[in-house]
């Protein structure tokens, strides 16, 4: 129970920090974008000082949680804030921010695995317990749906010289990139069912998540802008399904 609570507080801390640093670094961009201008920080509902304070407190919570988990969690803990701080800067120079975001969320799987591997004799042994197939799957899934989501801002990004897969390569090439990444991600998720011996509950929930995701891909072919507008909400459902599915492995198989 202690490990579970510390994992939750660590995830809360790093997630809060990631959102805050993203909003702080993008505040001027968000003010100029009609889609994001009403968010708390760009609109002035939350001040910059308040946001910085919350960001520092979130980071402190994250590091304390990592330290209380185990030595390996503390040793690797600086990696995640660094990745999160770099992320909002990438759109200013290159179109890889979607894949960077995927790497950040994929790394959360690594963090969760390390958090329960304090008994490993070495860091290499702890890393050997990480479900790497699942890590890569999450990376490609997030990169794909974030590329779809970025279609909403394609004109804005081009006007202000910001980089994204849609803004740099156009919608047709974005479709191809997303569909190719999605095929690999789906194949890896299906493979993970066998490799990690998921039970029937886990497999059914994962199948639901994949089915929901591929409905979005079908929508992308028919109407890219509608797919972009629904991408975030659809992928909240997909994320819950794919995130909970491995945990259901703990349930007895009927």
C-alpha atoms as a PDB file:
ATOM      1  CA  UNK A   1       0.000   0.000   0.000  1.00  0.00           C
ATOM      2  CA  UNK A   2       2.863   2.400   0.817  1.00  0.00           C
ATOM      3  CA  UNK A   3       4.453   1.832  -2.606  1.00  0.00           C
ATOM      4  CA  UNK A   4       1.120   2.358  -4.332  1.00  0.00           C
ATOM      5  CA  UNK A   5       0.509   5.690  -2.567  1.00  0.00           C
ATOM      6  CA  UNK A   6       4.044   6.897  -3.295  1.00  0.00           C
ATOM      7  CA  UNK A   7       3.700   5.958  -6.972  1.00  0.00           C
ATOM      8  CA  UNK A   8       0.472   7.968  -7.144  1.00  0.00           C
ATOM      9  CA  UNK A   9       2.022  11.021  -5.464  1.00  0.00           C
ATOM     10  CA  UNK A  10       5.089  10.804  -7.711  1.00  0.00           C
ATOM     11  CA  UNK A  11       2.885  10.603 -10.817  1.00  0.00           C
ATOM     12  CA  UNK A  12       0.736  13.478  -9.591  1.00  0.00           C
ATOM     13  CA  UNK A  13       3.811  15.602  -8.880  1.00  0.00           C
ATOM     14  CA  UNK A  14       5.548  15.045 -12.204  1.00  0.00           C
ATOM     15  CA  UNK A  15       2.303  15.356 -14.181  1.00  0.00           C
ATOM     16  CA  UNK A  16       1.459  18.636 -12.483  1.00  0.00           C
ATOM     17  CA  UNK A  17       4.986  19.943 -13.082  1.00  0.00           C
ATOM     18  CA  UNK A  18       4.842  18.919 -16.750  1.00  0.00           C
ATOM     19  CA  UNK A  19       1.557  20.738 -17.329  1.00  0.00           C
ATOM     20  CA  UNK A  20       2.729  23.850 -15.502  1.00  0.00           C
ATOM     21  CA  UNK A  21       6.123  24.126 -17.232  1.00  0.00           C
ATOM     22  CA  UNK A  22       4.430  23.573 -20.590  1.00  0.00           C
ATOM     23  CA  UNK A  23       1.979  26.395 -19.888  1.00  0.00           C
ATOM     24  CA  UNK A  24       4.687  28.712 -18.571  1.00  0.00           C
ATOM     25  CA  UNK A  25       7.003  28.268 -21.552  1.00  0.00           C
ATOM     26  CA  UNK A  26       4.121  28.520 -24.021  1.00  0.00           C
ATOM     27  CA  UNK A  27       2.253  31.377 -22.361  1.00  0.00           C
ATOM     28  CA  UNK A  28       2.730  33.859 -25.220  1.00  0.00           C
ATOM     29  CA  UNK A  29       1.906  31.242 -27.859  1.00  0.00           C
ATOM     30  CA  UNK A  30      -1.209  30.194 -25.948  1.00  0.00           C
ATOM     31  CA  UNK A  31      -2.364  33.808 -25.627  1.00  0.00           C
ATOM     32  CA  UNK A  32      -2.180  34.200 -29.398  1.00  0.00           C
ATOM     33  CA  UNK A  33      -4.008  30.950 -30.128  1.00  0.00           C
ATOM     34  CA  UNK A  34      -7.838  31.248 -29.877  1.00  0.00           C
ATOM     35  CA  UNK A  35      -8.047  27.553 -28.914  1.00  0.00           C
ATOM     36  CA  UNK A  36      -5.860  28.016 -25.823  1.00  0.00           C
ATOM     37  CA  UNK A  37      -6.295  31.710 -24.947  1.00  0.00           C
ATOM     38  CA  UNK A  38      -8.898  30.951 -22.252  1.00  0.00           C
ATOM     39  CA  UNK A  39      -6.705  28.556 -20.292  1.00  0.00           C
ATOM     40  CA  UNK A  40      -6.018  29.711 -16.695  1.00  0.00           C
ATOM     41  CA  UNK A  41      -2.458  30.976 -17.228  1.00  0.00           C
ATOM     42  CA  UNK A  42      -2.825  32.724 -20.629  1.00  0.00           C
ATOM     43  CA  UNK A  43      -6.120  34.289 -19.539  1.00  0.00           C
ATOM     44  CA  UNK A  44      -4.630  35.621 -16.299  1.00  0.00           C
ATOM     45  CA  UNK A  45      -6.841  33.566 -13.956  1.00  0.00           C
ATOM     46  CA  UNK A  46      -3.600  32.115 -12.572  1.00  0.00           C
ATOM     47  CA  UNK A  47      -0.574  34.398 -12.261  1.00  0.00           C
ATOM     48  CA  UNK A  48       2.919  33.475 -13.388  1.00  0.00           C
ATOM     49  CA  UNK A  49       4.146  33.599  -9.766  1.00  0.00           C
ATOM     50  CA  UNK A  50       1.365  31.255  -8.677  1.00  0.00           C
ATOM     51  CA  UNK A  51       2.171  28.859 -11.506  1.00  0.00           C
ATOM     52  CA  UNK A  52       5.895  28.866 -10.680  1.00  0.00           C
ATOM     53  CA  UNK A  53       5.107  28.220  -6.996  1.00  0.00           C
ATOM     54  CA  UNK A  54       2.818  25.311  -7.864  1.00  0.00           C
ATOM     55  CA  UNK A  55       5.445  23.952 -10.239  1.00  0.00           C
ATOM     56  CA  UNK A  56       8.144  24.007  -7.553  1.00  0.00           C
ATOM     57  CA  UNK A  57       5.840  22.361  -4.986  1.00  0.00           C
ATOM     58  CA  UNK A  58       4.888  19.677  -7.526  1.00  0.00           C
ATOM     59  CA  UNK A  59       8.545  18.984  -8.234  1.00  0.00           C
ATOM     60  CA  UNK A  60       9.328  18.726  -4.495  1.00  0.00           C
ATOM     61  CA  UNK A  61       6.447  16.257  -4.045  1.00  0.00           C
ATOM     62  CA  UNK A  62       7.765  14.201  -6.976  1.00  0.00           C
ATOM     63  CA  UNK A  63      11.358  14.025  -5.700  1.00  0.00           C
ATOM     64  CA  UNK A  64      10.305  13.214  -2.108  1.00  0.00           C
ATOM     65  CA  UNK A  65       8.066  10.419  -3.398  1.00  0.00           C
ATOM     66  CA  UNK A  66      10.889   9.020  -5.552  1.00  0.00           C
ATOM     67  CA  UNK A  67      13.307   9.139  -2.612  1.00  0.00           C
ATOM     68  CA  UNK A  68      10.869   7.271  -0.384  1.00  0.00           C
ATOM     69  CA  UNK A  69      10.245   4.591  -3.011  1.00  0.00           C
ATOM     70  CA  UNK A  70      13.781   3.279  -3.501  1.00  0.00           C
ATOM     71  CA  UNK A  71      17.323   4.207  -4.488  1.00  0.00           C
ATOM     72  CA  UNK A  72      16.812   3.422  -8.187  1.00  0.00           C
ATOM     73  CA  UNK A  73      13.711   5.616  -8.368  1.00  0.00           C
ATOM     74  CA  UNK A  74      15.638   8.503  -6.809  1.00  0.00           C
ATOM     75  CA  UNK A  75      18.652   7.907  -9.076  1.00  0.00           C
ATOM     76  CA  UNK A  76      16.551   8.095 -12.249  1.00  0.00           C
ATOM     77  CA  UNK A  77      14.117  10.757 -11.030  1.00  0.00           C
ATOM     78  CA  UNK A  78      15.839  13.805 -12.659  1.00  0.00           C
ATOM     79  CA  UNK A  79      15.300  12.337 -16.135  1.00  0.00           C
ATOM     80  CA  UNK A  80      11.553  12.948 -16.202  1.00  0.00           C
ATOM     81  CA  UNK A  81      11.544  16.676 -15.272  1.00  0.00           C
ATOM     82  CA  UNK A  82      14.300  17.257 -17.859  1.00  0.00           C
ATOM     83  CA  UNK A  83      12.282  15.520 -20.592  1.00  0.00           C
ATOM     84  CA  UNK A  84       9.170  17.483 -19.592  1.00  0.00           C
ATOM     85  CA  UNK A  85      11.013  20.827 -19.630  1.00  0.00           C
ATOM     86  CA  UNK A  86      12.486  20.231 -23.092  1.00  0.00           C
ATOM     87  CA  UNK A  87       9.159  19.166 -24.630  1.00  0.00           C
ATOM     88  CA  UNK A  88       7.469  22.597 -25.088  1.00  0.00           C
ATOM     89  CA  UNK A  89      10.658  24.031 -26.607  1.00  0.00           C
ATOM     90  CA  UNK A  90      10.835  21.511 -29.453  1.00  0.00           C
ATOM     91  CA  UNK A  91       7.958  22.957 -31.491  1.00  0.00           C
ATOM     92  CA  UNK A  92      10.100  26.050 -31.988  1.00  0.00           C
ATOM     93  CA  UNK A  93      12.782  24.156 -33.925  1.00  0.00           C
ATOM     94  CA  UNK A  94      11.565  20.776 -35.253  1.00  0.00           C
ATOM     95  CA  UNK A  95       8.460  18.584 -35.678  1.00  0.00           C
ATOM     96  CA  UNK A  96       9.404  15.816 -33.235  1.00  0.00           C
ATOM     97  CA  UNK A  97       7.494  17.139 -30.207  1.00  0.00           C
ATOM     98  CA  UNK A  98       4.763  14.481 -30.666  1.00  0.00           C
ATOM     99  CA  UNK A  99       7.320  11.685 -30.431  1.00  0.00           C
ATOM    100  CA  UNK A 100       9.036  13.395 -27.504  1.00  0.00           C
ATOM    101  CA  UNK A 101       5.706  13.524 -25.668  1.00  0.00           C
ATOM    102  CA  UNK A 102       5.279   9.834 -26.467  1.00  0.00           C
ATOM    103  CA  UNK A 103       8.690   9.141 -24.956  1.00  0.00           C
ATOM    104  CA  UNK A 104       7.723  11.045 -21.792  1.00  0.00           C
ATOM    105  CA  UNK A 105       4.521   9.060 -21.273  1.00  0.00           C
ATOM    106  CA  UNK A 106       6.259   5.835 -22.255  1.00  0.00           C
ATOM    107  CA  UNK A 107       8.831   6.652 -19.593  1.00  0.00           C
ATOM    108  CA  UNK A 108       6.068   6.682 -16.993  1.00  0.00           C
ATOM    109  CA  UNK A 109       5.801   2.923 -17.563  1.00  0.00           C
ATOM    110  CA  UNK A 110       9.534   2.673 -16.867  1.00  0.00           C
ATOM    111  CA  UNK A 111       9.074   4.752 -13.723  1.00  0.00           C
ATOM    112  CA  UNK A 112       6.249   2.556 -12.478  1.00  0.00           C
ATOM    113  CA  UNK A 113       8.337  -0.562 -13.020  1.00  0.00           C
ATOM    114  CA  UNK A 114      11.400   0.917 -11.286  1.00  0.00           C
ATOM    115  CA  UNK A 115       9.203   2.024  -8.382  1.00  0.00           C
ATOM    116  CA  UNK A 116       8.434  -1.617  -7.516  1.00  0.00           C
ATOM    117  CA  UNK A 117      11.929  -2.942  -8.249  1.00  0.00           C
ATOM    118  CA  UNK A 118      13.735  -1.718  -5.158  1.00  0.00           C
ATOM    119  CA  UNK A 119      14.760  -5.287  -4.360  1.00  0.00           C
ATOM    120  CA  UNK A 120      16.744  -5.651  -7.600  1.00  0.00           C
ATOM    121  CA  UNK A 121      20.476  -6.200  -6.919  1.00  0.00           C
ATOM    122  CA  UNK A 122      21.578  -3.640  -9.541  1.00  0.00           C
ATOM    123  CA  UNK A 123      20.079  -0.885 -11.677  1.00  0.00           C
ATOM    124  CA  UNK A 124      20.605  -3.080 -14.760  1.00  0.00           C
ATOM    125  CA  UNK A 125      18.506  -5.795 -13.131  1.00  0.00           C
ATOM    126  CA  UNK A 126      15.803  -3.255 -12.279  1.00  0.00           C
ATOM    127  CA  UNK A 127      15.745  -2.008 -15.880  1.00  0.00           C
ATOM    128  CA  UNK A 128      15.564  -5.613 -17.052  1.00  0.00           C
ATOM    129  CA  UNK A 129      12.173  -5.898 -15.347  1.00  0.00           C
ATOM    130  CA  UNK A 130      10.707  -3.034 -17.373  1.00  0.00           C
ATOM    131  CA  UNK A 131       8.010  -4.148 -19.873  1.00  0.00           C
ATOM    132  CA  UNK A 132       9.809  -2.607 -22.844  1.00  0.00           C
ATOM    133  CA  UNK A 133       7.263  -3.778 -25.427  1.00  0.00           C
ATOM    134  CA  UNK A 134       4.615  -1.835 -23.555  1.00  0.00           C
ATOM    135  CA  UNK A 135       6.908   1.207 -23.249  1.00  0.00           C
ATOM    136  CA  UNK A 136       7.425   1.359 -27.023  1.00  0.00           C
ATOM    137  CA  UNK A 137       3.695   0.806 -27.606  1.00  0.00           C
ATOM    138  CA  UNK A 138       2.773   3.760 -25.392  1.00  0.00           C
ATOM    139  CA  UNK A 139       5.421   5.909 -27.095  1.00  0.00           C
ATOM    140  CA  UNK A 140       3.980   5.268 -30.575  1.00  0.00           C
ATOM    141  CA  UNK A 141       0.360   5.556 -29.437  1.00  0.00           C
ATOM    142  CA  UNK A 142       0.901   8.981 -27.843  1.00  0.00           C
ATOM    143  CA  UNK A 143       2.984  10.232 -30.783  1.00  0.00           C
ATOM    144  CA  UNK A 144       0.227   9.158 -33.165  1.00  0.00           C
ATOM    145  CA  UNK A 145      -2.754  10.678 -31.389  1.00  0.00           C
ATOM    146  CA  UNK A 146      -0.845  13.904 -30.616  1.00  0.00           C
ATOM    147  CA  UNK A 147      -0.028  14.224 -34.325  1.00  0.00           C
ATOM    148  CA  UNK A 148      -3.760  13.930 -35.066  1.00  0.00           C
ATOM    149  CA  UNK A 149      -4.566  16.499 -32.366  1.00  0.00           C
ATOM    150  CA  UNK A 150      -2.059  18.943 -33.895  1.00  0.00           C
ATOM    151  CA  UNK A 151      -4.134  19.129 -37.102  1.00  0.00           C
ATOM    152  CA  UNK A 152      -6.390  21.573 -35.223  1.00  0.00           C
ATOM    153  CA  UNK A 153      -3.521  24.063 -35.023  1.00  0.00           C
ATOM    154  CA  UNK A 154      -2.026  23.521 -38.472  1.00  0.00           C
ATOM    155  CA  UNK A 155      -2.756  27.035 -39.784  1.00  0.00           C
ATOM    156  CA  UNK A 156      -1.793  28.724 -36.511  1.00  0.00           C
ATOM    157  CA  UNK A 157       1.489  26.797 -36.326  1.00  0.00           C
ATOM    158  CA  UNK A 158       2.410  27.693 -39.891  1.00  0.00           C
ATOM    159  CA  UNK A 159       1.543  31.369 -39.339  1.00  0.00           C
ATOM    160  CA  UNK A 160       3.749  31.618 -36.233  1.00  0.00           C
ATOM    161  CA  UNK A 161       6.600  29.417 -37.485  1.00  0.00           C
ATOM    162  CA  UNK A 162       5.908  26.554 -35.093  1.00  0.00           C
ATOM    163  CA  UNK A 163       6.707  22.982 -36.044  1.00  0.00           C
ATOM    164  CA  UNK A 164       4.511  19.889 -35.954  1.00  0.00           C
ATOM    165  CA  UNK A 165       4.009  16.875 -38.171  1.00  0.00           C
ATOM    166  CA  UNK A 166       0.849  18.367 -39.785  1.00  0.00           C
ATOM    167  CA  UNK A 167       2.314  21.877 -40.134  1.00  0.00           C
ATOM    168  CA  UNK A 168       5.600  20.644 -41.640  1.00  0.00           C
ATOM    169  CA  UNK A 169       4.415  17.736 -43.770  1.00  0.00           C
ATOM    170  CA  UNK A 170       0.733  18.364 -44.494  1.00  0.00           C
ATOM    171  CA  UNK A 171      -2.343  16.332 -43.697  1.00  0.00           C
ATOM    172  CA  UNK A 172      -1.828  13.504 -46.199  1.00  0.00           C
ATOM    173  CA  UNK A 173       1.690  12.721 -44.968  1.00  0.00           C
ATOM    174  CA  UNK A 174       0.456  13.063 -41.386  1.00  0.00           C
ATOM    175  CA  UNK A 175      -2.143  10.384 -42.115  1.00  0.00           C
ATOM    176  CA  UNK A 176       0.566   8.074 -43.461  1.00  0.00           C
ATOM    177  CA  UNK A 177       2.866   8.653 -40.474  1.00  0.00           C
ATOM    178  CA  UNK A 178       0.029   8.174 -37.981  1.00  0.00           C
ATOM    179  CA  UNK A 179      -1.288   5.025 -39.654  1.00  0.00           C
ATOM    180  CA  UNK A 180       2.179   3.455 -39.888  1.00  0.00           C
ATOM    181  CA  UNK A 181       2.926   4.246 -36.228  1.00  0.00           C
ATOM    182  CA  UNK A 182      -0.514   2.990 -35.224  1.00  0.00           C
ATOM    183  CA  UNK A 183      -0.003  -0.351 -36.977  1.00  0.00           C
ATOM    184  CA  UNK A 184       3.257  -0.919 -35.099  1.00  0.00           C
ATOM    185  CA  UNK A 185       1.749   0.216 -31.793  1.00  0.00           C
ATOM    186  CA  UNK A 186      -1.266  -2.086 -32.224  1.00  0.00           C
ATOM    187  CA  UNK A 187       0.885  -5.066 -33.209  1.00  0.00           C
ATOM    188  CA  UNK A 188       3.077  -4.523 -30.138  1.00  0.00           C
ATOM    189  CA  UNK A 189       0.042  -4.248 -27.850  1.00  0.00           C
ATOM    190  CA  UNK A 190      -1.347  -7.521 -29.211  1.00  0.00           C
ATOM    191  CA  UNK A 191       2.078  -9.160 -28.837  1.00  0.00           C
ATOM    192  CA  UNK A 192       2.288  -7.907 -25.244  1.00  0.00           C
ATOM    193  CA  UNK A 193      -0.866  -9.878 -24.389  1.00  0.00           C
ATOM    194  CA  UNK A 194       1.103 -13.088 -25.003  1.00  0.00           C
ATOM    195  CA  UNK A 195       4.511 -11.964 -23.745  1.00  0.00           C
ATOM    196  CA  UNK A 196       3.146 -10.684 -20.422  1.00  0.00           C
ATOM    197  CA  UNK A 197       0.518 -13.458 -20.122  1.00  0.00           C
ATOM    198  CA  UNK A 198      -2.439 -11.114 -19.790  1.00  0.00           C
ATOM    199  CA  UNK A 199      -5.636 -12.781 -18.584  1.00  0.00           C
ATOM    200  CA  UNK A 200      -9.007 -12.594 -20.291  1.00  0.00           C
ATOM    201  CA  UNK A 201     -10.032  -9.408 -18.439  1.00  0.00           C
ATOM    202  CA  UNK A 202      -6.835  -7.608 -19.465  1.00  0.00           C
ATOM    203  CA  UNK A 203      -7.073  -8.823 -23.062  1.00  0.00           C
ATOM    204  CA  UNK A 204     -10.707  -7.749 -23.450  1.00  0.00           C
ATOM    205  CA  UNK A 205     -10.002  -4.275 -22.068  1.00  0.00           C
ATOM    206  CA  UNK A 206      -6.957  -3.894 -24.301  1.00  0.00           C
ATOM    207  CA  UNK A 207      -9.035  -4.994 -27.303  1.00  0.00           C
ATOM    208  CA  UNK A 208     -11.624  -2.339 -26.385  1.00  0.00           C
ATOM    209  CA  UNK A 209      -8.891   0.314 -26.222  1.00  0.00           C
ATOM    210  CA  UNK A 210      -7.466  -0.685 -29.605  1.00  0.00           C
ATOM    211  CA  UNK A 211     -10.918  -0.822 -31.190  1.00  0.00           C
ATOM    212  CA  UNK A 212     -11.780   2.650 -29.883  1.00  0.00           C
ATOM    213  CA  UNK A 213      -8.466   3.992 -31.168  1.00  0.00           C
ATOM    214  CA  UNK A 214      -8.938   2.542 -34.662  1.00  0.00           C
ATOM    215  CA  UNK A 215     -12.356   4.171 -34.920  1.00  0.00           C
ATOM    216  CA  UNK A 216     -10.474   7.456 -34.595  1.00  0.00           C
ATOM    217  CA  UNK A 217      -8.074   6.393 -37.356  1.00  0.00           C
ATOM    218  CA  UNK A 218     -11.080   5.636 -39.573  1.00  0.00           C
ATOM    219  CA  UNK A 219     -12.413   9.114 -38.823  1.00  0.00           C
ATOM    220  CA  UNK A 220      -8.998  10.559 -39.728  1.00  0.00           C
ATOM    221  CA  UNK A 221      -9.384   9.175 -43.250  1.00  0.00           C
ATOM    222  CA  UNK A 222     -12.866  10.636 -43.680  1.00  0.00           C
ATOM    223  CA  UNK A 223     -12.489  13.995 -41.923  1.00  0.00           C
ATOM    224  CA  UNK A 224      -9.068  14.905 -40.453  1.00  0.00           C
ATOM    225  CA  UNK A 225     -10.357  18.035 -38.717  1.00  0.00           C
ATOM    226  CA  UNK A 226     -13.191  16.176 -36.978  1.00  0.00           C
ATOM    227  CA  UNK A 227     -10.706  13.487 -35.917  1.00  0.00           C
ATOM    228  CA  UNK A 228      -8.431  16.193 -34.506  1.00  0.00           C
ATOM    229  CA  UNK A 229     -11.263  17.784 -32.520  1.00  0.00           C
ATOM    230  CA  UNK A 230     -12.179  14.422 -30.969  1.00  0.00           C
ATOM    231  CA  UNK A 231      -8.647  13.050 -30.578  1.00  0.00           C
ATOM    232  CA  UNK A 232      -8.058  14.150 -26.998  1.00  0.00           C
ATOM    233  CA  UNK A 233     -11.365  12.887 -25.580  1.00  0.00           C
ATOM    234  CA  UNK A 234     -11.180   9.583 -27.475  1.00  0.00           C
ATOM    235  CA  UNK A 235      -7.660   8.949 -26.295  1.00  0.00           C
ATOM    236  CA  UNK A 236      -8.544   9.595 -22.663  1.00  0.00           C
ATOM    237  CA  UNK A 237     -10.757   6.490 -22.982  1.00  0.00           C
ATOM    238  CA  UNK A 238      -8.029   4.609 -24.836  1.00  0.00           C
ATOM    239  CA  UNK A 239      -5.455   5.604 -22.216  1.00  0.00           C
ATOM    240  CA  UNK A 240      -7.618   4.373 -19.346  1.00  0.00           C
ATOM    241  CA  UNK A 241      -8.236   1.068 -21.134  1.00  0.00           C
ATOM    242  CA  UNK A 242      -4.586   0.472 -22.022  1.00  0.00           C
ATOM    243  CA  UNK A 243      -3.393   1.643 -18.608  1.00  0.00           C
ATOM    244  CA  UNK A 244      -5.783  -0.466 -16.553  1.00  0.00           C
ATOM    245  CA  UNK A 245      -5.519  -3.591 -18.738  1.00  0.00           C
ATOM    246  CA  UNK A 246      -2.100  -4.733 -17.401  1.00  0.00           C
ATOM    247  CA  UNK A 247      -3.283  -4.164 -13.814  1.00  0.00           C
ATOM    248  CA  UNK A 248      -6.181  -6.575 -14.346  1.00  0.00           C
ATOM    249  CA  UNK A 249      -3.572  -9.300 -14.757  1.00  0.00           C
ATOM    250  CA  UNK A 250      -3.652  -9.416 -10.962  1.00  0.00           C
ATOM    251  CA  UNK A 251      -7.214 -10.711 -11.042  1.00  0.00           C
ATOM    252  CA  UNK A 252      -7.736 -14.497 -11.107  1.00  0.00           C
ATOM    253  CA  UNK A 253      -8.484 -15.935 -14.536  1.00  0.00           C
ATOM    254  CA  UNK A 254     -12.042 -17.227 -14.865  1.00  0.00           C
END
